[in-house]
N, C-alpha and C. Protein backbone atom coordinates (compact mmCIF):
# COMPACT_ATOMS: atom_id res chain seq x y z
N MET A 1 -8.25 39.05 -36.40
CA MET A 1 -7.20 38.97 -35.41
C MET A 1 -5.94 39.53 -36.04
N SER A 2 -5.25 40.35 -35.27
CA SER A 2 -4.03 40.97 -35.78
C SER A 2 -2.91 39.96 -35.78
N GLU A 3 -1.87 40.30 -36.49
CA GLU A 3 -0.71 39.42 -36.59
C GLU A 3 -0.04 39.25 -35.23
N GLN A 4 0.00 40.34 -34.42
CA GLN A 4 0.64 40.28 -33.09
C GLN A 4 -0.17 39.36 -32.16
N GLU A 5 -1.49 39.48 -32.18
CA GLU A 5 -2.33 38.61 -31.36
C GLU A 5 -2.17 37.15 -31.78
N ASP A 6 -2.05 36.94 -33.09
CA ASP A 6 -1.88 35.58 -33.60
C ASP A 6 -0.57 34.97 -33.12
N ARG A 7 0.53 35.80 -33.09
CA ARG A 7 1.82 35.31 -32.60
C ARG A 7 1.75 35.00 -31.10
N GLN A 8 1.05 35.84 -30.32
CA GLN A 8 0.93 35.61 -28.89
C GLN A 8 0.14 34.32 -28.60
N THR A 9 -0.90 34.10 -29.34
CA THR A 9 -1.70 32.89 -29.18
C THR A 9 -0.86 31.66 -29.51
N THR A 10 -0.12 31.73 -30.63
CA THR A 10 0.73 30.61 -31.04
C THR A 10 1.82 30.36 -30.00
N SER A 11 2.41 31.43 -29.47
CA SER A 11 3.46 31.31 -28.45
C SER A 11 2.89 30.67 -27.18
N GLY A 12 1.69 31.08 -26.76
CA GLY A 12 1.05 30.51 -25.57
C GLY A 12 0.73 29.05 -25.77
N GLU A 13 0.27 28.70 -26.97
CA GLU A 13 -0.03 27.30 -27.25
C GLU A 13 1.25 26.47 -27.22
N GLN A 14 2.35 27.03 -27.74
CA GLN A 14 3.62 26.30 -27.75
C GLN A 14 4.13 26.09 -26.32
N GLN A 15 3.96 27.11 -25.44
CA GLN A 15 4.40 26.95 -24.05
C GLN A 15 3.59 25.85 -23.37
N GLY A 16 2.30 25.80 -23.61
CA GLY A 16 1.47 24.75 -23.04
C GLY A 16 1.87 23.38 -23.56
N VAL A 17 2.17 23.30 -24.83
CA VAL A 17 2.58 22.04 -25.44
C VAL A 17 3.92 21.59 -24.88
N SER A 18 4.87 22.51 -24.66
CA SER A 18 6.18 22.12 -24.14
C SER A 18 6.06 21.62 -22.70
N TRP A 19 5.16 22.15 -21.90
CA TRP A 19 4.95 21.68 -20.52
C TRP A 19 4.41 20.25 -20.53
N VAL A 20 3.45 19.98 -21.40
CA VAL A 20 2.84 18.66 -21.48
C VAL A 20 3.88 17.62 -21.93
N ARG A 21 4.82 18.07 -22.76
CA ARG A 21 5.85 17.18 -23.26
C ARG A 21 6.73 16.65 -22.12
N TRP A 22 6.93 17.42 -21.04
CA TRP A 22 7.79 17.04 -19.92
C TRP A 22 7.03 16.27 -18.81
N LEU A 23 5.73 16.22 -18.90
CA LEU A 23 4.93 15.55 -17.88
C LEU A 23 5.29 14.07 -17.70
N PRO A 24 5.42 13.26 -18.74
CA PRO A 24 5.79 11.85 -18.53
C PRO A 24 7.15 11.69 -17.83
N LEU A 25 8.10 12.54 -18.14
CA LEU A 25 9.41 12.48 -17.49
C LEU A 25 9.27 12.79 -16.00
N GLY A 26 8.47 13.78 -15.67
CA GLY A 26 8.24 14.15 -14.27
C GLY A 26 7.59 13.00 -13.49
N ILE A 27 6.60 12.37 -14.09
CA ILE A 27 5.93 11.23 -13.45
C ILE A 27 6.91 10.08 -13.27
N PHE A 28 7.72 9.80 -14.29
CA PHE A 28 8.72 8.74 -14.19
C PHE A 28 9.71 9.00 -13.06
N LEU A 29 10.20 10.23 -12.94
CA LEU A 29 11.16 10.57 -11.88
C LEU A 29 10.53 10.41 -10.50
N LEU A 30 9.28 10.82 -10.34
CA LEU A 30 8.58 10.67 -9.07
C LEU A 30 8.43 9.19 -8.71
N LEU A 31 8.04 8.37 -9.65
CA LEU A 31 7.93 6.93 -9.41
C LEU A 31 9.28 6.31 -9.07
N ALA A 32 10.34 6.75 -9.73
CA ALA A 32 11.69 6.24 -9.46
C ALA A 32 12.11 6.56 -8.03
N VAL A 33 11.76 7.75 -7.54
CA VAL A 33 12.09 8.13 -6.17
C VAL A 33 11.35 7.21 -5.19
N PHE A 34 10.05 6.98 -5.40
CA PHE A 34 9.28 6.10 -4.51
C PHE A 34 9.80 4.66 -4.56
N LEU A 35 10.18 4.19 -5.73
CA LEU A 35 10.74 2.85 -5.86
C LEU A 35 12.06 2.76 -5.11
N GLY A 36 12.89 3.76 -5.24
CA GLY A 36 14.17 3.78 -4.53
C GLY A 36 13.98 3.73 -3.03
N ILE A 37 13.03 4.48 -2.51
CA ILE A 37 12.73 4.46 -1.07
C ILE A 37 12.23 3.08 -0.67
N GLY A 38 11.35 2.51 -1.46
CA GLY A 38 10.79 1.19 -1.16
C GLY A 38 11.85 0.10 -1.14
N LEU A 39 12.84 0.20 -1.99
CA LEU A 39 13.88 -0.83 -2.04
C LEU A 39 14.81 -0.77 -0.83
N THR A 40 14.81 0.34 -0.12
CA THR A 40 15.66 0.43 1.08
C THR A 40 14.97 -0.10 2.33
N LEU A 41 13.67 -0.39 2.24
CA LEU A 41 12.93 -0.88 3.41
C LEU A 41 13.13 -2.38 3.58
N ASN A 42 13.07 -2.83 4.82
CA ASN A 42 13.18 -4.26 5.13
C ASN A 42 11.78 -4.85 5.14
N PRO A 43 11.47 -5.80 4.23
CA PRO A 43 10.12 -6.35 4.17
C PRO A 43 9.75 -7.16 5.41
N ASN A 44 10.72 -7.58 6.22
CA ASN A 44 10.43 -8.34 7.43
C ASN A 44 10.10 -7.44 8.61
N GLU A 45 10.32 -6.16 8.48
CA GLU A 45 9.97 -5.24 9.55
C GLU A 45 8.70 -4.49 9.16
N VAL A 46 7.63 -5.23 9.23
CA VAL A 46 6.32 -4.67 8.90
C VAL A 46 5.82 -3.92 10.12
N PRO A 47 5.50 -2.65 9.96
CA PRO A 47 5.01 -1.92 11.13
C PRO A 47 3.73 -2.56 11.66
N SER A 48 3.64 -2.64 12.97
CA SER A 48 2.46 -3.23 13.58
C SER A 48 1.78 -2.18 14.44
N PRO A 49 0.46 -2.07 14.34
CA PRO A 49 -0.25 -1.14 15.22
C PRO A 49 -0.21 -1.59 16.68
N LEU A 50 0.25 -2.83 16.94
CA LEU A 50 0.30 -3.34 18.31
C LEU A 50 1.53 -2.86 19.08
N ILE A 51 2.58 -2.43 18.37
CA ILE A 51 3.81 -2.02 19.05
C ILE A 51 3.48 -0.89 20.03
N GLY A 52 3.88 -1.10 21.30
CA GLY A 52 3.62 -0.11 22.34
C GLY A 52 2.24 -0.21 22.97
N LYS A 53 1.47 -1.22 22.57
CA LYS A 53 0.12 -1.40 23.10
C LYS A 53 0.01 -2.75 23.80
N PRO A 54 -1.00 -2.92 24.64
CA PRO A 54 -1.18 -4.21 25.32
C PRO A 54 -1.38 -5.36 24.32
N ALA A 55 -0.74 -6.48 24.61
CA ALA A 55 -0.88 -7.66 23.77
C ALA A 55 -2.32 -8.16 23.85
N PRO A 56 -2.91 -8.55 22.73
CA PRO A 56 -4.26 -9.10 22.77
C PRO A 56 -4.30 -10.38 23.62
N ALA A 57 -5.25 -10.43 24.53
CA ALA A 57 -5.40 -11.59 25.40
C ALA A 57 -6.04 -12.73 24.61
N PHE A 58 -5.71 -13.95 25.00
CA PHE A 58 -6.35 -15.10 24.37
C PHE A 58 -6.39 -16.28 25.33
N GLU A 59 -7.35 -17.15 25.08
CA GLU A 59 -7.49 -18.43 25.76
C GLU A 59 -7.80 -19.45 24.68
N LEU A 60 -6.89 -20.41 24.53
CA LEU A 60 -7.03 -21.40 23.47
C LEU A 60 -6.65 -22.78 23.99
N PRO A 61 -7.12 -23.84 23.33
CA PRO A 61 -6.69 -25.18 23.71
C PRO A 61 -5.19 -25.34 23.50
N ARG A 62 -4.59 -26.13 24.37
CA ARG A 62 -3.16 -26.46 24.23
C ARG A 62 -3.01 -27.53 23.16
N LEU A 63 -1.96 -27.45 22.39
CA LEU A 63 -1.72 -28.44 21.34
C LEU A 63 -1.42 -29.81 21.93
N ASP A 64 -0.69 -29.85 23.04
CA ASP A 64 -0.31 -31.14 23.63
C ASP A 64 -1.47 -31.82 24.35
N ASN A 65 -2.50 -31.05 24.70
CA ASN A 65 -3.68 -31.62 25.35
C ASN A 65 -4.84 -30.63 25.14
N GLU A 66 -5.64 -30.86 24.13
CA GLU A 66 -6.67 -29.90 23.76
C GLU A 66 -7.81 -29.81 24.77
N GLN A 67 -7.76 -30.66 25.80
CA GLN A 67 -8.74 -30.56 26.89
C GLN A 67 -8.33 -29.46 27.87
N GLN A 68 -7.08 -29.06 27.83
CA GLN A 68 -6.57 -27.99 28.69
C GLN A 68 -6.53 -26.69 27.90
N ILE A 69 -6.77 -25.60 28.62
CA ILE A 69 -6.75 -24.27 28.00
C ILE A 69 -5.46 -23.56 28.40
N PHE A 70 -4.84 -22.90 27.41
CA PHE A 70 -3.70 -22.03 27.70
C PHE A 70 -4.21 -20.60 27.61
N SER A 71 -3.89 -19.80 28.62
CA SER A 71 -4.30 -18.40 28.65
C SER A 71 -3.07 -17.51 28.67
N SER A 72 -3.11 -16.48 27.87
CA SER A 72 -1.99 -15.53 27.85
C SER A 72 -1.83 -14.85 29.20
N SER A 73 -2.87 -14.85 30.02
CA SER A 73 -2.78 -14.24 31.35
C SER A 73 -1.78 -14.99 32.25
N GLU A 74 -1.47 -16.24 31.91
CA GLU A 74 -0.48 -17.01 32.66
C GLU A 74 0.91 -16.39 32.58
N LEU A 75 1.10 -15.50 31.63
CA LEU A 75 2.42 -14.90 31.39
C LEU A 75 2.54 -13.51 32.00
N HIS A 76 1.54 -13.09 32.74
CA HIS A 76 1.57 -11.77 33.36
C HIS A 76 2.82 -11.62 34.23
N GLY A 77 3.53 -10.52 34.05
CA GLY A 77 4.74 -10.25 34.82
C GLY A 77 5.99 -10.91 34.26
N LYS A 78 5.87 -11.55 33.09
CA LYS A 78 7.01 -12.22 32.47
C LYS A 78 7.27 -11.64 31.08
N VAL A 79 8.53 -11.69 30.68
CA VAL A 79 8.87 -11.38 29.29
C VAL A 79 8.60 -12.65 28.49
N TRP A 80 7.89 -12.51 27.38
CA TRP A 80 7.59 -13.69 26.58
C TRP A 80 7.62 -13.39 25.10
N LEU A 81 7.75 -14.47 24.35
CA LEU A 81 7.83 -14.37 22.90
C LEU A 81 6.72 -15.25 22.33
N LEU A 82 5.95 -14.71 21.41
CA LEU A 82 4.91 -15.47 20.73
C LEU A 82 5.39 -15.74 19.32
N ASN A 83 5.51 -17.03 18.98
CA ASN A 83 5.95 -17.44 17.65
C ASN A 83 4.76 -18.10 16.95
N VAL A 84 4.30 -17.48 15.88
CA VAL A 84 3.16 -18.00 15.11
C VAL A 84 3.72 -18.94 14.05
N TRP A 85 3.27 -20.20 14.07
CA TRP A 85 3.83 -21.22 13.19
C TRP A 85 2.76 -22.19 12.74
N ALA A 86 3.11 -23.02 11.76
CA ALA A 86 2.22 -24.08 11.28
C ALA A 86 3.05 -25.19 10.66
N SER A 87 2.54 -26.40 10.70
CA SER A 87 3.28 -27.53 10.13
C SER A 87 3.37 -27.45 8.61
N TRP A 88 2.42 -26.75 7.98
CA TRP A 88 2.42 -26.62 6.53
C TRP A 88 3.32 -25.49 6.04
N CYS A 89 3.94 -24.76 6.95
CA CYS A 89 4.74 -23.57 6.61
C CYS A 89 6.21 -23.96 6.40
N VAL A 90 6.69 -23.80 5.19
CA VAL A 90 8.08 -24.14 4.85
C VAL A 90 9.05 -23.24 5.62
N SER A 91 8.77 -21.95 5.70
CA SER A 91 9.65 -21.03 6.42
C SER A 91 9.71 -21.32 7.91
N CYS A 92 8.64 -21.88 8.46
CA CYS A 92 8.62 -22.24 9.88
C CYS A 92 9.65 -23.33 10.15
N ARG A 93 9.78 -24.25 9.24
CA ARG A 93 10.78 -25.32 9.40
C ARG A 93 12.18 -24.72 9.35
N GLU A 94 12.38 -23.74 8.48
CA GLU A 94 13.67 -23.07 8.36
C GLU A 94 14.05 -22.36 9.66
N GLU A 95 13.09 -21.72 10.30
CA GLU A 95 13.40 -20.94 11.51
C GLU A 95 13.37 -21.79 12.79
N HIS A 96 12.82 -22.98 12.73
CA HIS A 96 12.59 -23.78 13.94
C HIS A 96 13.86 -24.00 14.79
N PRO A 97 15.00 -24.35 14.19
CA PRO A 97 16.21 -24.50 15.01
C PRO A 97 16.63 -23.20 15.72
N VAL A 98 16.33 -22.08 15.11
CA VAL A 98 16.67 -20.78 15.71
C VAL A 98 15.74 -20.50 16.89
N ILE A 99 14.48 -20.85 16.76
CA ILE A 99 13.54 -20.69 17.88
C ILE A 99 13.96 -21.61 19.02
N ALA A 100 14.39 -22.82 18.69
CA ALA A 100 14.88 -23.75 19.72
C ALA A 100 16.12 -23.18 20.42
N GLN A 101 17.01 -22.57 19.64
CA GLN A 101 18.20 -21.94 20.22
C GLN A 101 17.80 -20.80 21.16
N LEU A 102 16.84 -20.01 20.75
CA LEU A 102 16.34 -18.92 21.59
C LEU A 102 15.74 -19.46 22.88
N ALA A 103 14.92 -20.50 22.77
CA ALA A 103 14.29 -21.09 23.95
C ALA A 103 15.34 -21.60 24.93
N SER A 104 16.45 -22.12 24.42
CA SER A 104 17.50 -22.66 25.30
C SER A 104 18.21 -21.57 26.11
N THR A 105 18.10 -20.30 25.69
CA THR A 105 18.72 -19.20 26.45
C THR A 105 17.93 -18.88 27.71
N ARG A 106 16.66 -19.25 27.73
CA ARG A 106 15.74 -18.98 28.86
C ARG A 106 15.61 -17.49 29.16
N LEU A 107 15.81 -16.66 28.13
CA LEU A 107 15.64 -15.21 28.30
C LEU A 107 14.16 -14.81 28.30
N ALA A 108 13.31 -15.70 27.79
CA ALA A 108 11.88 -15.41 27.72
C ALA A 108 11.12 -16.72 27.64
N GLU A 109 9.86 -16.67 28.05
CA GLU A 109 8.97 -17.81 27.85
C GLU A 109 8.63 -17.82 26.36
N VAL A 110 8.86 -18.93 25.70
CA VAL A 110 8.59 -19.04 24.26
C VAL A 110 7.28 -19.81 24.08
N ILE A 111 6.30 -19.10 23.53
CA ILE A 111 4.96 -19.65 23.34
C ILE A 111 4.71 -19.79 21.84
N GLY A 112 4.16 -20.92 21.45
CA GLY A 112 3.80 -21.13 20.06
C GLY A 112 2.32 -20.85 19.85
N LEU A 113 2.00 -20.28 18.72
CA LEU A 113 0.60 -20.13 18.30
C LEU A 113 0.48 -20.92 17.01
N ASN A 114 -0.08 -22.12 17.12
CA ASN A 114 -0.23 -22.99 15.96
C ASN A 114 -1.41 -22.48 15.15
N TYR A 115 -1.12 -21.96 13.97
CA TYR A 115 -2.03 -21.13 13.19
C TYR A 115 -2.64 -21.90 12.02
N LYS A 116 -3.98 -22.02 12.02
CA LYS A 116 -4.74 -22.61 10.91
C LYS A 116 -4.14 -23.94 10.47
N ASP A 117 -3.95 -24.82 11.43
CA ASP A 117 -3.24 -26.07 11.18
C ASP A 117 -4.08 -27.24 11.69
N ASP A 118 -3.80 -28.40 11.19
CA ASP A 118 -4.37 -29.63 11.72
C ASP A 118 -3.55 -30.03 12.94
N SER A 119 -4.19 -30.21 14.08
CA SER A 119 -3.47 -30.48 15.33
C SER A 119 -2.63 -31.75 15.26
N ALA A 120 -3.14 -32.79 14.62
CA ALA A 120 -2.37 -34.03 14.52
C ALA A 120 -1.09 -33.79 13.70
N ASP A 121 -1.20 -33.03 12.61
CA ASP A 121 -0.02 -32.70 11.81
C ASP A 121 0.97 -31.87 12.62
N ALA A 122 0.45 -30.94 13.39
CA ALA A 122 1.31 -30.06 14.21
C ALA A 122 2.04 -30.88 15.28
N ARG A 123 1.35 -31.80 15.93
CA ARG A 123 2.01 -32.63 16.95
C ARG A 123 3.09 -33.51 16.33
N ARG A 124 2.81 -34.08 15.15
CA ARG A 124 3.82 -34.90 14.45
C ARG A 124 5.03 -34.04 14.08
N TRP A 125 4.78 -32.82 13.63
CA TRP A 125 5.85 -31.90 13.23
C TRP A 125 6.76 -31.60 14.43
N LEU A 126 6.16 -31.30 15.59
CA LEU A 126 6.96 -31.03 16.79
C LEU A 126 7.70 -32.29 17.26
N ALA A 127 7.08 -33.46 17.13
CA ALA A 127 7.75 -34.70 17.52
C ALA A 127 8.97 -34.93 16.63
N ARG A 128 8.85 -34.56 15.38
CA ARG A 128 9.96 -34.77 14.43
C ARG A 128 11.08 -33.76 14.60
N PHE A 129 10.72 -32.49 14.78
CA PHE A 129 11.74 -31.43 14.79
C PHE A 129 12.08 -30.91 16.19
N GLY A 130 11.35 -31.33 17.20
CA GLY A 130 11.59 -30.88 18.56
C GLY A 130 10.58 -29.80 18.95
N ASP A 131 10.31 -29.72 20.24
CA ASP A 131 9.31 -28.78 20.75
C ASP A 131 9.99 -27.76 21.67
N PRO A 132 10.29 -26.57 21.16
CA PRO A 132 10.95 -25.56 21.98
C PRO A 132 9.99 -24.72 22.83
N TYR A 133 8.68 -24.96 22.68
CA TYR A 133 7.68 -24.09 23.29
C TYR A 133 7.33 -24.51 24.71
N LEU A 134 7.17 -23.52 25.57
CA LEU A 134 6.61 -23.78 26.89
C LEU A 134 5.20 -24.33 26.71
N ALA A 135 4.48 -23.77 25.75
CA ALA A 135 3.15 -24.25 25.37
C ALA A 135 2.89 -23.79 23.95
N SER A 136 2.09 -24.56 23.24
CA SER A 136 1.58 -24.15 21.92
C SER A 136 0.07 -24.11 22.02
N ALA A 137 -0.49 -22.98 21.66
CA ALA A 137 -1.94 -22.82 21.65
C ALA A 137 -2.46 -23.06 20.24
N VAL A 138 -3.62 -23.67 20.14
CA VAL A 138 -4.21 -24.04 18.86
C VAL A 138 -5.17 -22.93 18.39
N ASP A 139 -4.81 -22.26 17.30
CA ASP A 139 -5.65 -21.23 16.70
C ASP A 139 -6.14 -21.75 15.34
N ARG A 140 -6.99 -22.76 15.41
CA ARG A 140 -7.41 -23.48 14.21
C ARG A 140 -8.08 -22.57 13.18
N GLU A 141 -8.95 -21.68 13.62
CA GLU A 141 -9.67 -20.80 12.68
C GLU A 141 -8.92 -19.50 12.40
N GLY A 142 -7.89 -19.21 13.15
CA GLY A 142 -7.10 -18.01 12.92
C GLY A 142 -7.67 -16.76 13.56
N ARG A 143 -8.62 -16.89 14.48
CA ARG A 143 -9.24 -15.71 15.09
C ARG A 143 -8.27 -14.93 15.97
N VAL A 144 -7.46 -15.65 16.75
CA VAL A 144 -6.46 -14.96 17.59
C VAL A 144 -5.41 -14.32 16.70
N GLY A 145 -5.05 -15.01 15.62
CA GLY A 145 -4.11 -14.43 14.66
C GLY A 145 -4.61 -13.10 14.11
N ILE A 146 -5.90 -13.00 13.87
CA ILE A 146 -6.48 -11.74 13.40
C ILE A 146 -6.30 -10.65 14.45
N ASP A 147 -6.55 -10.99 15.73
CA ASP A 147 -6.37 -10.02 16.81
C ASP A 147 -4.93 -9.51 16.88
N TRP A 148 -3.99 -10.38 16.56
CA TRP A 148 -2.57 -10.02 16.60
C TRP A 148 -2.08 -9.39 15.30
N GLY A 149 -2.93 -9.35 14.28
CA GLY A 149 -2.53 -8.75 13.00
C GLY A 149 -1.68 -9.67 12.15
N VAL A 150 -1.81 -10.98 12.37
CA VAL A 150 -1.03 -11.94 11.60
C VAL A 150 -1.58 -12.03 10.19
N TYR A 151 -0.70 -11.95 9.21
CA TYR A 151 -1.15 -12.15 7.84
C TYR A 151 -0.27 -13.16 7.10
N ALA A 152 0.79 -13.62 7.74
CA ALA A 152 1.65 -14.65 7.15
C ALA A 152 2.37 -15.36 8.27
N VAL A 153 2.73 -16.61 8.04
CA VAL A 153 3.54 -17.31 9.04
C VAL A 153 4.89 -17.59 8.42
N PRO A 154 5.93 -17.59 9.21
CA PRO A 154 5.95 -17.32 10.64
C PRO A 154 5.97 -15.82 10.94
N GLU A 155 5.48 -15.50 12.12
CA GLU A 155 5.58 -14.16 12.68
C GLU A 155 5.96 -14.31 14.14
N THR A 156 6.73 -13.37 14.65
CA THR A 156 7.22 -13.45 16.01
C THR A 156 7.02 -12.11 16.70
N PHE A 157 6.51 -12.16 17.94
CA PHE A 157 6.25 -10.98 18.74
C PHE A 157 7.00 -11.11 20.06
N ILE A 158 7.48 -9.98 20.58
CA ILE A 158 8.07 -9.96 21.92
C ILE A 158 7.19 -9.08 22.79
N ILE A 159 6.86 -9.60 23.98
CA ILE A 159 5.97 -8.91 24.92
C ILE A 159 6.73 -8.72 26.23
N ASP A 160 6.64 -7.51 26.80
CA ASP A 160 7.37 -7.22 28.03
C ASP A 160 6.58 -7.65 29.28
N LYS A 161 7.15 -7.39 30.46
CA LYS A 161 6.56 -7.82 31.73
C LYS A 161 5.21 -7.16 32.01
N GLN A 162 4.98 -6.00 31.42
CA GLN A 162 3.70 -5.31 31.60
C GLN A 162 2.66 -5.75 30.57
N GLY A 163 3.03 -6.69 29.71
CA GLY A 163 2.09 -7.17 28.70
C GLY A 163 2.01 -6.29 27.46
N ILE A 164 3.04 -5.48 27.24
CA ILE A 164 3.06 -4.57 26.09
C ILE A 164 3.87 -5.21 24.96
N VAL A 165 3.34 -5.16 23.75
CA VAL A 165 4.07 -5.67 22.59
C VAL A 165 5.21 -4.71 22.29
N ARG A 166 6.41 -5.23 22.27
CA ARG A 166 7.60 -4.38 22.06
C ARG A 166 8.25 -4.58 20.71
N TYR A 167 7.94 -5.71 20.03
CA TYR A 167 8.62 -5.99 18.76
C TYR A 167 7.80 -6.99 17.96
N LYS A 168 7.86 -6.85 16.63
CA LYS A 168 7.22 -7.81 15.73
C LYS A 168 8.17 -8.07 14.57
N HIS A 169 8.29 -9.34 14.21
CA HIS A 169 9.08 -9.72 13.04
C HIS A 169 8.23 -10.63 12.17
N THR A 170 8.17 -10.31 10.89
CA THR A 170 7.46 -11.13 9.92
C THR A 170 8.48 -11.91 9.11
N GLY A 171 8.26 -13.20 8.98
CA GLY A 171 9.20 -14.05 8.26
C GLY A 171 10.02 -14.86 9.24
N PRO A 172 10.88 -15.73 8.71
CA PRO A 172 11.65 -16.59 9.59
C PRO A 172 12.68 -15.82 10.41
N VAL A 173 12.81 -16.19 11.67
CA VAL A 173 13.85 -15.63 12.54
C VAL A 173 15.16 -16.29 12.14
N THR A 174 16.17 -15.48 11.88
CA THR A 174 17.49 -15.99 11.49
C THR A 174 18.43 -15.90 12.67
N VAL A 175 19.56 -16.56 12.57
CA VAL A 175 20.57 -16.50 13.62
C VAL A 175 21.06 -15.06 13.78
N ALA A 176 21.24 -14.37 12.65
CA ALA A 176 21.68 -12.97 12.72
C ALA A 176 20.67 -12.12 13.47
N LEU A 177 19.39 -12.26 13.15
CA LEU A 177 18.35 -11.50 13.85
C LEU A 177 18.33 -11.86 15.33
N LEU A 178 18.46 -13.13 15.62
CA LEU A 178 18.47 -13.59 17.00
C LEU A 178 19.59 -12.91 17.79
N ASN A 179 20.79 -12.93 17.24
CA ASN A 179 21.95 -12.38 17.95
C ASN A 179 22.00 -10.86 17.97
N GLU A 180 21.56 -10.23 16.88
CA GLU A 180 21.69 -8.78 16.75
C GLU A 180 20.51 -8.01 17.33
N LYS A 181 19.33 -8.61 17.33
CA LYS A 181 18.14 -7.87 17.75
C LYS A 181 17.40 -8.53 18.92
N LEU A 182 17.03 -9.79 18.76
CA LEU A 182 16.14 -10.42 19.75
C LEU A 182 16.81 -10.62 21.10
N ILE A 183 17.98 -11.21 21.14
CA ILE A 183 18.65 -11.45 22.42
C ILE A 183 18.94 -10.15 23.15
N PRO A 184 19.51 -9.11 22.48
CA PRO A 184 19.71 -7.85 23.20
C PRO A 184 18.41 -7.24 23.73
N LEU A 185 17.34 -7.30 22.94
CA LEU A 185 16.06 -6.75 23.38
C LEU A 185 15.52 -7.54 24.57
N LEU A 186 15.60 -8.86 24.52
CA LEU A 186 15.10 -9.68 25.63
C LEU A 186 15.90 -9.42 26.91
N LYS A 187 17.22 -9.27 26.79
CA LYS A 187 18.04 -8.96 27.96
C LYS A 187 17.64 -7.61 28.55
N GLN A 188 17.41 -6.63 27.68
CA GLN A 188 17.00 -5.30 28.13
C GLN A 188 15.66 -5.38 28.86
N LEU A 189 14.71 -6.11 28.29
CA LEU A 189 13.38 -6.22 28.90
C LEU A 189 13.42 -6.96 30.22
N GLN A 190 14.31 -7.93 30.35
CA GLN A 190 14.45 -8.67 31.61
C GLN A 190 14.98 -7.74 32.71
N GLU A 191 15.83 -6.79 32.33
CA GLU A 191 16.41 -5.87 33.31
C GLU A 191 15.42 -4.78 33.74
N GLU A 192 14.48 -4.48 32.85
CA GLU A 192 13.48 -3.45 33.17
C GLU A 192 12.52 -4.00 34.22
N GLY A 193 11.99 -3.09 35.04
CA GLY A 193 11.06 -3.50 36.10
C GLY A 193 9.74 -3.78 35.64
């Protein structure tokens, strides 16, 4: 091999080595960009495949009388809110006064979905903290929750008069969320035909 070929080979190897040297920095910068984007997202606004689609229908025993069945079809033509809760859920207790405040506005029928809970515990919980729900349906095994895409409690859904899911919130409903998002949306939906 000539001296010139040897220099070209060495130069090519050095260029390859210098590129590899910058690879970890490039990967780090890419990860930093994705982390930065992720930190700007609101973890309570989990996208739901149900938004804009018909609400899953259900028929479940009522919490106040498990011999009676509550059917979501009873809400046809009404704006309603489905609040998924459980007596064992600490965040549900935190949001409960806000749900009661919302129910007192009468902007929507407020329905509870008692999720994977003991009914006696749930009834005691409502007796202690108050019952803001028009009805609470018992989803003991969580099957209806699966249809709705529930993966944590509390979760709250708003359904319009046509039975279309218009909004989903994961986590406790706060006074700020109630005033800034839920009440304006419910008023808008009530005005729509």
